[in-house]
Amino acid sequence: MMAEIEIRPFAAGDADDVLSVILPIQREEFGIDITADAQPDLRVIPDFYQSGKGEFWVAVKDGAIVGTLGLKDIGNNQAALRKMFVAAEVRGREHGVAARLLERLFDHARDAGLTDIFLGTTDKFVAAHRFYEKNGFTEIAKGALPRSFPLMAVDSKFYRYKVG
């Protein structure tokens, strides 16, 4: 029997749990030498993500946060998808955590009147590229990003989703 996964907005008190999902994936799985201090947005999620048409969701299983997804309002009815991470033990189609997070984001984007969602990722995240492409994201050139897109140093591949 599959444990229920709840998708809900980030709430006060979630910050440490969010970091404890994201950091091990970045550092241990992908060997990206990054610290919590290098990601100050994760300490101010309500201000950074949960403002304008943005939001930040967590996936919760058995009371523990197992997934994260941020949507940053970048103006002009456009947003940037950031911090999509799912803990290794609940990855894969049988759990559907990533798919459910993304579904919630798409519903929110339509309700909020967003027109485009952009994302940047690294060459290393091959499974992520496949997932985004399967879910309607199209690869675009870096030059096609809006000026307001928050570029990360590690980003080397870029995608766009047209909300409609």
Protein backbone atom coordinates (compact mmCIF):
# COMPACT_ATOMS: atom_id res chain seq x y z
CA MET A 1 0.00 0.00 0.00
CA MET A 2 1.44 3.32 -1.11
CA ALA A 3 1.82 5.91 1.64
CA GLU A 4 -0.15 9.07 0.97
CA ILE A 5 1.92 11.94 -0.33
CA GLU A 6 0.59 15.38 0.51
CA ILE A 7 1.57 18.42 -1.55
CA ARG A 8 1.21 21.67 0.40
CA PRO A 9 2.65 25.18 0.40
CA PHE A 10 5.81 25.81 2.42
CA ALA A 11 4.99 26.90 5.97
CA ALA A 12 6.95 28.52 8.78
CA GLY A 13 9.07 25.85 10.40
CA ASP A 14 9.79 23.92 7.20
CA ALA A 15 13.11 25.62 6.36
CA ASP A 16 15.50 23.13 8.00
CA ASP A 17 13.62 20.14 6.59
CA VAL A 18 13.73 21.68 3.10
CA LEU A 19 17.52 22.07 3.37
CA SER A 20 17.87 18.51 4.62
CA VAL A 21 16.18 17.26 1.42
CA ILE A 22 18.03 19.53 -1.01
CA LEU A 23 21.62 19.62 0.27
CA PRO A 24 22.36 15.86 0.25
CA ILE A 25 21.02 15.56 -3.31
CA GLN A 26 23.17 18.43 -4.53
CA ARG A 27 26.30 17.47 -2.64
CA GLU A 28 26.33 13.68 -2.37
CA GLU A 29 24.38 12.57 -5.42
CA PHE A 30 25.55 15.15 -7.92
CA GLY A 31 28.84 16.19 -6.35
CA ILE A 32 28.01 19.89 -6.53
CA ASP A 33 30.09 21.67 -3.91
CA ILE A 34 27.36 23.95 -2.60
CA THR A 35 26.39 25.00 0.91
CA ALA A 36 23.22 26.30 2.51
CA ASP A 37 24.91 29.72 2.74
CA ALA A 38 25.34 29.76 -1.03
CA GLN A 39 21.54 29.43 -1.38
CA PRO A 40 20.22 32.34 0.69
CA ASP A 41 16.82 32.05 -1.03
CA LEU A 42 16.20 28.90 1.02
CA ARG A 43 16.37 30.93 4.24
CA VAL A 44 13.78 33.45 3.04
CA ILE A 45 11.34 31.25 1.13
CA PRO A 46 8.23 33.32 2.00
CA ASP A 47 9.86 36.55 0.76
CA PHE A 48 11.69 35.08 -2.21
CA TYR A 49 9.16 32.56 -3.55
CA GLN A 50 5.79 33.09 -1.88
CA SER A 51 5.28 36.59 -3.21
CA GLY A 52 3.62 37.97 -6.33
CA LYS A 53 2.51 35.00 -8.43
CA GLY A 54 5.17 32.74 -6.96
CA GLU A 55 4.85 29.86 -4.49
CA PHE A 56 6.93 27.13 -2.90
CA TRP A 57 5.55 23.64 -2.33
CA VAL A 58 6.69 20.69 -0.27
CA ALA A 59 5.79 17.02 -0.67
CA VAL A 60 5.16 15.35 2.67
CA LYS A 61 5.15 11.61 3.39
CA ASP A 62 4.62 10.18 6.90
CA GLY A 63 5.11 13.67 8.35
CA ALA A 64 8.49 14.21 6.66
CA ILE A 65 9.29 16.53 3.75
CA VAL A 66 10.47 14.42 0.80
CA GLY A 67 10.21 16.87 -2.08
CA THR A 68 10.44 20.58 -2.88
CA LEU A 69 9.47 22.88 -5.73
CA GLY A 70 9.83 26.65 -5.98
CA LEU A 71 8.21 29.07 -8.42
CA LYS A 72 9.73 32.57 -8.49
CA ASP A 73 7.70 35.44 -9.93
CA ILE A 74 10.01 37.28 -12.36
CA GLY A 75 7.44 39.81 -13.58
CA ASN A 76 5.55 40.15 -16.86
CA ASN A 77 3.37 37.11 -15.99
CA GLN A 78 6.47 34.92 -16.18
CA ALA A 79 8.06 32.75 -13.52
CA ALA A 80 11.16 30.67 -12.91
CA LEU A 81 10.95 27.08 -11.70
CA ARG A 82 13.61 26.48 -9.03
CA LYS A 83 14.62 23.93 -6.41
CA MET A 84 12.77 20.89 -7.70
CA PHE A 85 14.16 18.06 -5.60
CA VAL A 86 12.75 14.68 -4.63
CA ALA A 87 14.41 12.45 -2.03
CA ALA A 88 15.90 9.28 -3.55
CA GLU A 89 13.64 6.92 -1.59
CA VAL A 90 10.45 8.35 -3.12
CA ARG A 91 11.67 8.89 -6.65
CA GLY A 92 10.17 7.17 -9.64
CA ARG A 93 6.81 6.71 -11.26
CA GLU A 94 5.37 4.47 -8.55
CA HIS A 95 5.51 7.36 -6.06
CA GLY A 96 4.69 10.14 -8.51
CA VAL A 97 6.12 12.84 -6.23
CA ALA A 98 7.76 14.92 -8.97
CA ALA A 99 4.70 14.59 -11.22
CA ARG A 100 2.38 15.68 -8.40
CA LEU A 101 4.56 18.66 -7.49
CA LEU A 102 4.64 19.76 -11.12
CA GLU A 103 0.88 19.27 -11.51
CA ARG A 104 0.32 21.56 -8.52
CA LEU A 105 2.66 24.14 -10.05
CA PHE A 106 0.84 24.04 -13.42
CA ASP A 107 -2.57 24.43 -11.70
CA HIS A 108 -1.23 27.40 -9.74
CA ALA A 109 0.34 28.94 -12.87
CA ARG A 110 -2.97 28.77 -14.76
CA ASP A 111 -4.94 30.17 -11.82
CA ALA A 112 -2.41 32.99 -11.35
CA GLY A 113 -2.50 33.94 -15.04
CA LEU A 114 1.14 33.13 -15.75
CA THR A 115 2.07 32.73 -19.43
CA ASP A 116 5.55 31.17 -19.29
CA ILE A 117 7.66 29.18 -16.86
CA PHE A 118 11.42 29.09 -17.40
CA LEU A 119 14.02 26.89 -15.78
CA GLY A 120 17.75 26.42 -15.80
CA THR A 121 19.48 23.15 -15.03
CA THR A 122 22.91 21.58 -15.31
CA ASP A 123 24.16 19.07 -17.87
CA LYS A 124 24.47 16.54 -15.02
CA PHE A 125 20.74 16.24 -14.35
CA VAL A 126 19.96 13.99 -17.34
CA ALA A 127 16.96 12.32 -15.70
CA ALA A 128 15.58 15.79 -14.94
CA HIS A 129 15.95 16.84 -18.59
CA ARG A 130 13.90 13.81 -19.66
CA PHE A 131 11.27 14.54 -17.01
CA TYR A 132 10.89 18.20 -18.04
CA GLU A 133 10.73 17.33 -21.75
CA LYS A 134 8.12 14.64 -21.10
CA ASN A 135 6.05 17.22 -19.20
CA GLY A 136 5.89 19.84 -21.94
CA PHE A 137 9.05 21.89 -21.42
CA THR A 138 11.01 22.83 -24.55
CA GLU A 139 14.74 23.46 -24.53
CA ILE A 140 15.66 27.06 -25.40
CA ALA A 141 18.90 28.97 -25.90
CA LYS A 142 20.26 30.99 -22.99
CA GLY A 143 19.72 34.11 -25.09
CA ALA A 144 15.97 33.39 -25.27
CA LEU A 145 15.54 33.79 -21.51
CA PRO A 146 13.84 36.94 -20.22
CA ARG A 147 16.26 39.51 -18.79
CA SER A 148 14.66 39.08 -15.37
CA PHE A 149 15.46 35.34 -15.22
CA PRO A 150 17.58 34.61 -12.11
CA LEU A 151 20.59 32.87 -13.66
CA MET A 152 22.54 30.44 -11.48
CA ALA A 153 26.26 29.88 -12.09
CA VAL A 154 25.73 26.12 -12.53
CA ASP A 155 22.92 26.46 -15.12
CA SER A 156 23.88 25.33 -18.61
CA LYS A 157 20.60 24.08 -20.11
CA PHE A 158 17.40 26.09 -20.24
CA TYR A 159 13.74 25.22 -20.74
CA ARG A 160 10.46 27.02 -21.26
CA TYR A 161 6.90 25.88 -20.61
CA LYS A 162 4.04 27.83 -22.18
CA VAL A 163 1.10 27.92 -19.80
CA GLY A 164 -2.21 27.52 -21.58
